[in-house]
C-alpha atoms as a PDB file:
ATOM      1  CA  MET A   1     141.748 106.877 130.028  1.00  0.00           C
ATOM      2  CA  PRO A   2     140.300 109.747 132.069  1.00  0.00           C
ATOM      3  CA  GLN A   3     142.777 112.146 133.565  1.00  0.00           C
ATOM      4  CA  ALA A   4     142.873 112.934 137.265  1.00  0.00           C
ATOM      5  CA  ASN A   5     141.135 116.284 136.802  1.00  0.00           C
ATOM      6  CA  ASP A   6     138.228 114.583 134.922  1.00  0.00           C
ATOM      7  CA  ARG A   7     137.427 112.496 137.984  1.00  0.00           C
ATOM      8  CA  TYR A   8     134.983 113.869 140.519  1.00  0.00           C
ATOM      9  CA  THR A   9     134.313 112.934 144.109  1.00  0.00           C
ATOM     10  CA  ALA A  10     130.864 113.324 145.631  1.00  0.00           C
ATOM     11  CA  THR A  11     131.950 116.537 147.392  1.00  0.00           C
ATOM     12  CA  ARG A  12     133.399 118.044 144.226  1.00  0.00           C
ATOM     13  CA  LEU A  13     130.260 117.074 142.240  1.00  0.00           C
ATOM     14  CA  ALA A  14     128.051 118.769 144.848  1.00  0.00           C
ATOM     15  CA  ALA A  15     130.132 121.956 144.597  1.00  0.00           C
ATOM     16  CA  GLU A  16     130.230 121.927 140.757  1.00  0.00           C
ATOM     17  CA  LEU A  17     126.517 121.195 140.353  1.00  0.00           C
ATOM     18  CA  GLY A  18     125.312 123.467 143.126  1.00  0.00           C
ATOM     19  CA  LEU A  19     123.505 120.681 144.953  1.00  0.00           C
ATOM     20  CA  ASP A  20     123.693 119.626 148.585  1.00  0.00           C
ATOM     21  CA  ASN A  21     125.752 116.557 149.441  1.00  0.00           C
ATOM     22  CA  ARG A  22     122.700 114.462 150.377  1.00  0.00           C
ATOM     23  CA  LYS A  23     121.083 114.843 146.912  1.00  0.00           C
ATOM     24  CA  VAL A  24     124.380 114.116 145.171  1.00  0.00           C
ATOM     25  CA  ARG A  25     124.956 110.975 147.248  1.00  0.00           C
ATOM     26  CA  ASP A  26     121.394 109.846 146.470  1.00  0.00           C
ATOM     27  CA  VAL A  27     122.071 110.276 142.735  1.00  0.00           C
ATOM     28  CA  LEU A  28     125.435 108.508 142.971  1.00  0.00           C
ATOM     29  CA  THR A  29     123.769 105.328 144.227  1.00  0.00           C
ATOM     30  CA  ARG A  30     122.709 104.794 140.602  1.00  0.00           C
ATOM     31  CA  VAL A  31     126.134 105.546 139.052  1.00  0.00           C
ATOM     32  CA  ASN A  32     129.097 103.189 138.946  1.00  0.00           C
ATOM     33  CA  PRO A  33     132.358 104.845 140.024  1.00  0.00           C
ATOM     34  CA  ILE A  34     135.321 104.697 137.633  1.00  0.00           C
ATOM     35  CA  ALA A  35     137.804 104.307 140.465  1.00  0.00           C
ATOM     36  CA  VAL A  36     137.863 103.631 144.205  1.00  0.00           C
ATOM     37  CA  GLU A  37     140.828 104.677 146.358  1.00  0.00           C
ATOM     38  CA  GLY A  38     140.241 103.772 149.945  1.00  0.00           C
ATOM     39  CA  GLN A  39     136.944 105.363 150.954  1.00  0.00           C
ATOM     40  CA  ARG A  40     136.940 107.792 148.061  1.00  0.00           C
ATOM     41  CA  LYS A  41     134.959 107.001 144.933  1.00  0.00           C
ATOM     42  CA  TYR A  42     135.604 108.851 141.678  1.00  0.00           C
ATOM     43  CA  TYR A  43     133.027 109.509 138.974  1.00  0.00           C
ATOM     44  CA  LEU A  44     133.016 110.944 135.472  1.00  0.00           C
ATOM     45  CA  LEU A  45     130.828 113.994 135.024  1.00  0.00           C
ATOM     46  CA  ARG A  46     129.316 112.584 131.799  1.00  0.00           C
ATOM     47  CA  ASP A  47     128.138 109.498 133.756  1.00  0.00           C
ATOM     48  CA  VAL A  48     126.560 111.570 136.522  1.00  0.00           C
ATOM     49  CA  ILE A  49     124.757 114.320 134.536  1.00  0.00           C
ATOM     50  CA  PRO A  50     121.911 112.180 133.092  1.00  0.00           C
ATOM     51  CA  HIS A  51     121.098 110.825 136.568  1.00  0.00           C
ATOM     52  CA  VAL A  52     121.190 114.308 138.096  1.00  0.00           C
ATOM     53  CA  ALA A  53     118.886 115.594 135.352  1.00  0.00           C
ATOM     54  CA  LYS A  54     116.456 112.735 135.931  1.00  0.00           C
ATOM     55  CA  HIS A  55     116.615 113.266 139.705  1.00  0.00           C
ATOM     56  CA  LEU A  56     115.853 116.970 139.295  1.00  0.00           C
ATOM     57  CA  GLY A  57     112.887 116.259 137.014  1.00  0.00           C
ATOM     58  CA  ALA A  58     114.482 117.487 133.792  1.00  0.00           C
ATOM     59  CA  PRO A  59     113.219 115.951 130.580  1.00  0.00           C
ATOM     60  CA  GLU A  60     114.897 112.710 129.555  1.00  0.00           C
ATOM     61  CA  VAL A  61     118.054 112.905 127.558  1.00  0.00           C
ATOM     62  CA  ILE A  62     117.368 111.896 123.965  1.00  0.00           C
ATOM     63  CA  ASP A  63     119.338 109.027 122.522  1.00  0.00           C
ATOM     64  CA  LEU A  64     120.136 110.247 119.011  1.00  0.00           C
ATOM     65  CA  ASN A  65     120.916 106.785 117.670  1.00  0.00           C
ATOM     66  CA  ALA A  66     117.580 105.424 118.857  1.00  0.00           C
ATOM     67  CA  GLU A  67     115.755 108.432 117.411  1.00  0.00           C
ATOM     68  CA  ARG A  68     117.529 108.063 114.057  1.00  0.00           C
ATOM     69  CA  ALA A  69     116.634 104.374 113.958  1.00  0.00           C
ATOM     70  CA  ARG A  70     113.008 105.225 114.757  1.00  0.00           C
ATOM     71  CA  LYS A  71     112.974 107.829 111.978  1.00  0.00           C
ATOM     72  CA  VAL A  72     114.435 105.390 109.425  1.00  0.00           C
ATOM     73  CA  LYS A  73     111.877 102.766 110.438  1.00  0.00           C
ATOM     74  CA  ALA A  74     109.002 105.265 110.051  1.00  0.00           C
ATOM     75  CA  GLU A  75     110.297 106.373 106.639  1.00  0.00           C
ATOM     76  CA  ALA A  76     110.503 102.735 105.527  1.00  0.00           C
ATOM     77  CA  ALA A  77     106.915 102.149 106.678  1.00  0.00           C
ATOM     78  CA  LEU A  78     105.740 105.212 104.734  1.00  0.00           C
ATOM     79  CA  ALA A  79     107.597 104.000 101.651  1.00  0.00           C
ATOM     80  CA  GLU A  80     105.847 100.625 101.971  1.00  0.00           C
ATOM     81  CA  ILE A  81     102.476 102.354 102.213  1.00  0.00           C
ATOM     82  CA  GLU A  82     103.222 104.447  99.106  1.00  0.00           C
ATOM     83  CA  LEU A  83     104.288 101.294  97.242  1.00  0.00           C
ATOM     84  CA  GLU A  84     101.058  99.523  98.214  1.00  0.00           C
ATOM     85  CA  LYS A  85      99.065 102.575  97.052  1.00  0.00           C
ATOM     86  CA  GLU A  86     100.829 102.438  93.692  1.00  0.00           C
ATOM     87  CA  ARG A  87     100.043  98.731  93.403  1.00  0.00           C
ATOM     88  CA  GLY A  88      96.406  99.430  94.216  1.00  0.00           C
ATOM     89  CA  SER A  89      96.478  97.223  97.305  1.00  0.00           C
ATOM     90  CA  LEU A  90      95.320  99.940  99.704  1.00  0.00           C
ATOM     91  CA  VAL A  91      91.917 101.554  99.921  1.00  0.00           C
ATOM     92  CA  ASP A  92      91.239 105.009 101.297  1.00  0.00           C
ATOM     93  CA  VAL A  93      89.157 104.577 104.469  1.00  0.00           C
ATOM     94  CA  ASP A  94      86.998 107.644 103.801  1.00  0.00           C
ATOM     95  CA  ALA A  95      86.278 106.522 100.225  1.00  0.00           C
ATOM     96  CA  ALA A  96      85.382 103.003 101.390  1.00  0.00           C
ATOM     97  CA  GLN A  97      83.101 104.374 104.083  1.00  0.00           C
ATOM     98  CA  ALA A  98      81.380 106.682 101.594  1.00  0.00           C
ATOM     99  CA  THR A  99      80.933 103.781  99.159  1.00  0.00           C
ATOM    100  CA  TRP A 100      79.379 101.509 101.755  1.00  0.00           C
ATOM    101  CA  THR A 101      77.156 104.298 103.009  1.00  0.00           C
ATOM    102  CA  GLU A 102      75.871 104.872  99.482  1.00  0.00           C
ATOM    103  CA  MET A 103      75.304 101.140  98.889  1.00  0.00           C
ATOM    104  CA  VAL A 104      73.436 100.690 102.167  1.00  0.00           C
ATOM    105  CA  ARG A 105      71.331 103.756 101.420  1.00  0.00           C
ATOM    106  CA  ALA A 106      70.451 102.369  97.955  1.00  0.00           C
ATOM    107  CA  ALA A 107      69.583  98.970  99.447  1.00  0.00           C
ATOM    108  CA  ALA A 108      67.372 100.551 102.096  1.00  0.00           C
ATOM    109  CA  GLN A 109      65.540 102.648  99.508  1.00  0.00           C
ATOM    110  CA  ARG A 110      64.864  99.614  97.297  1.00  0.00           C
ATOM    111  CA  VAL A 111      63.697  97.451 100.194  1.00  0.00           C
ATOM    112  CA  GLN A 112      61.420 100.223 101.457  1.00  0.00           C
ATOM    113  CA  THR A 113      59.574 100.254  98.117  1.00  0.00           C
ATOM    114  CA  LEU A 114      58.550  96.599  98.472  1.00  0.00           C
ATOM    115  CA  PRO A 115      55.471  97.117 100.693  1.00  0.00           C
ATOM    116  CA  ALA A 116      53.965  99.760  98.383  1.00  0.00           C
ATOM    117  CA  LYS A 117      54.712  97.600  95.353  1.00  0.00           C
ATOM    118  CA  LEU A 118      53.372  94.341  96.828  1.00  0.00           C
ATOM    119  CA  ALA A 119      50.450  95.416  99.025  1.00  0.00           C
ATOM    120  CA  PRO A 120      47.850  95.685  96.222  1.00  0.00           C
ATOM    121  CA  VAL A 121      48.921  92.372  94.659  1.00  0.00           C
ATOM    122  CA  LEU A 122      49.110  90.384  97.895  1.00  0.00           C
ATOM    123  CA  ALA A 123      45.837  91.766  99.291  1.00  0.00           C
ATOM    124  CA  VAL A 124      43.783  89.793  96.749  1.00  0.00           C
ATOM    125  CA  GLU A 125      45.716  86.513  97.019  1.00  0.00           C
ATOM    126  CA  GLU A 126      44.349  83.760  99.236  1.00  0.00           C
ATOM    127  CA  GLU A 127      46.901  80.986  98.658  1.00  0.00           C
ATOM    128  CA  PRO A 128      49.999  81.160 100.928  1.00  0.00           C
ATOM    129  CA  ALA A 129      52.133  79.490  98.220  1.00  0.00           C
ATOM    130  CA  VAL A 130      51.227  82.201  95.717  1.00  0.00           C
ATOM    131  CA  VAL A 131      51.951  84.933  98.288  1.00  0.00           C
ATOM    132  CA  LYS A 132      55.314  83.325  99.033  1.00  0.00           C
ATOM    133  CA  ALA A 133      56.150  83.054  95.334  1.00  0.00           C
ATOM    134  CA  LEU A 134      55.260  86.718  94.760  1.00  0.00           C
ATOM    135  CA  LEU A 135      57.356  87.776  97.764  1.00  0.00           C
ATOM    136  CA  ASP A 136      60.291  85.642  96.581  1.00  0.00           C
ATOM    137  CA  GLU A 137      60.036  87.127  93.099  1.00  0.00           C
ATOM    138  CA  ALA A 138      59.956  90.705  94.417  1.00  0.00           C
ATOM    139  CA  ILE A 139      62.866  90.096  96.795  1.00  0.00           C
ATOM    140  CA  ASN A 140      64.935  88.435  94.058  1.00  0.00           C
ATOM    141  CA  GLU A 141      64.159  91.278  91.678  1.00  0.00           C
ATOM    142  CA  THR A 142      65.237  93.822  94.311  1.00  0.00           C
ATOM    143  CA  LEU A 143      68.454  91.922  95.051  1.00  0.00           C
ATOM    144  CA  ASN A 144      69.245  91.719  91.344  1.00  0.00           C
ATOM    145  CA  GLU A 145      68.631  95.446  90.946  1.00  0.00           C
ATOM    146  CA  LEU A 146      71.077  96.023  93.796  1.00  0.00           C
ATOM    147  CA  ALA A 147      73.608  93.701  92.173  1.00  0.00           C
ATOM    148  CA  ASP A 148      73.279  95.671  88.916  1.00  0.00           C
ATOM    149  CA  TYR A 149      73.604  98.921  90.828  1.00  0.00           C
ATOM    150  CA  ILE A 150      76.785  97.712  92.524  1.00  0.00           C
ATOM    151  CA  ALA A 151      78.216  96.468  89.225  1.00  0.00           C
ATOM    152  CA  ASP A 152      77.427  99.785  87.513  1.00  0.00           C
ATOM    153  CA  TRP A 153      78.846 101.752  90.398  1.00  0.00           C
ATOM    154  CA  ALA A 154      82.045  99.694  90.561  1.00  0.00           C
ATOM    155  CA  ASP A 155      82.415  99.908  86.763  1.00  0.00           C
ATOM    156  CA  GLU A 156      83.429  96.258  86.690  1.00  0.00           C
ATOM    157  CA  GLU A 157      82.087  93.066  85.271  1.00  0.00           C
ATOM    158  CA  PRO A 158      78.549  92.401  86.575  1.00  0.00           C
ATOM    159  CA  VAL A 159      78.605  90.761  89.971  1.00  0.00           C
ATOM    160  CA  GLU A 160      77.180  87.288  90.370  1.00  0.00           C
ATOM    161  CA  GLU A 161      73.452  87.313  90.842  1.00  0.00           C
ATOM    162  CA  LEU A 162      72.561  87.604  94.510  1.00  0.00           C
ATOM    163  CA  ALA A 163      69.217  85.875  94.374  1.00  0.00           C
ATOM    164  CA  GLU A 164      68.330  82.324  93.466  1.00  0.00           C
ATOM    165  CA  ASP A 165      64.973  80.787  92.658  1.00  0.00           C
ATOM    166  CA  SER A 166      63.391  79.371  95.796  1.00  0.00           C
ATOM    167  CA  GLY A 167      62.476  76.113  94.028  1.00  0.00           C
ATOM    168  CA  GLU A 168      58.820  77.065  93.534  1.00  0.00           C
ATOM    169  CA  SER A 169      57.332  76.799  90.069  1.00  0.00           C
ATOM    170  CA  MET A 170      57.749  80.441  89.202  1.00  0.00           C
ATOM    171  CA  GLU A 171      59.870  82.219  86.658  1.00  0.00           C
ATOM    172  CA  ALA A 172      62.658  84.371  88.072  1.00  0.00           C
ATOM    173  CA  ALA A 173      63.206  87.908  86.930  1.00  0.00           C
ATOM    174  CA  THR A 174      65.398  88.165  83.859  1.00  0.00           C
ATOM    175  CA  GLU A 175      68.449  90.299  83.310  1.00  0.00           C
ATOM    176  CA  ALA A 176      68.744  92.932  80.619  1.00  0.00           C
ATOM    177  CA  ASP A 177      70.739  90.402  78.555  1.00  0.00           C
ATOM    178  CA  SER A 178      67.716  88.003  78.609  1.00  0.00           C
ATOM    179  CA  GLU A 179      69.604  85.407  80.657  1.00  0.00           C
ATOM    180  CA  PRO A 180      67.418  83.647  83.260  1.00  0.00           C
ATOM    181  CA  VAL A 181      68.062  84.513  86.863  1.00  0.00           C
ATOM    182  CA  GLY A 182      68.244  81.754  89.468  1.00  0.00           C
ATOM    183  CA  ARG A 183      68.409  78.059  88.635  1.00  0.00           C
ATOM    184  CA  HIS A 184      69.165  76.672  85.205  1.00  0.00           C
ATOM    185  CA  ASP A 185      66.443  74.741  83.400  1.00  0.00           C
ATOM    186  CA  GLU A 186      67.992  71.357  84.301  1.00  0.00           C
ATOM    187  CA  GLU A 187      67.907  72.202  88.004  1.00  0.00           C
ATOM    188  CA  ALA A 188      64.290  73.445  87.894  1.00  0.00           C
ATOM    189  CA  LYS A 189      62.887  70.212  86.373  1.00  0.00           C
ATOM    190  CA  PRO A 190      60.604  68.304  88.716  1.00  0.00           C
ATOM    191  CA  GLY A 191      62.124  65.224  90.280  1.00  0.00           C
ATOM    192  CA  SER A 192      65.730  66.439  90.071  1.00  0.00           C
END
């Protein structure tokens, strides 16, 4: 229970804080008095100070409990991130961006070689079906090269082939392991 000398009236607060009565009364509209005796209202200094500081434009008073809780929460989040890194569930953004940049660059380079590779062959062809088959074969070969490149780069099992035979009667490019690329023989049979 506060003692009598811990209680402050508006006049005493103004004198102690060095503020005029009008400013103090304006601040006290936001503070609940601890006692009222007649027309006099009594306040605790510790209840008034934060409101005076805010009124005067001082920085906000820091709530240590809230700040400690925020710190513990941030430390827990960092611990979770470290755990996910250890598990291999997280990927470094810069490394992922560099990887994708390299893959896109490799794809662009391989696709840009197609016109020089195909122009002499396609220039002499008159049948649209043959031109289409040659284009399909070159595109599938390029996609398979990219798939091999990605598999080699990732140092994993080879990725599934990206290209499939278009259904024309042409042989797809073969892998280094002599496995056919595209459809299996049963699927390529006419009438199936």
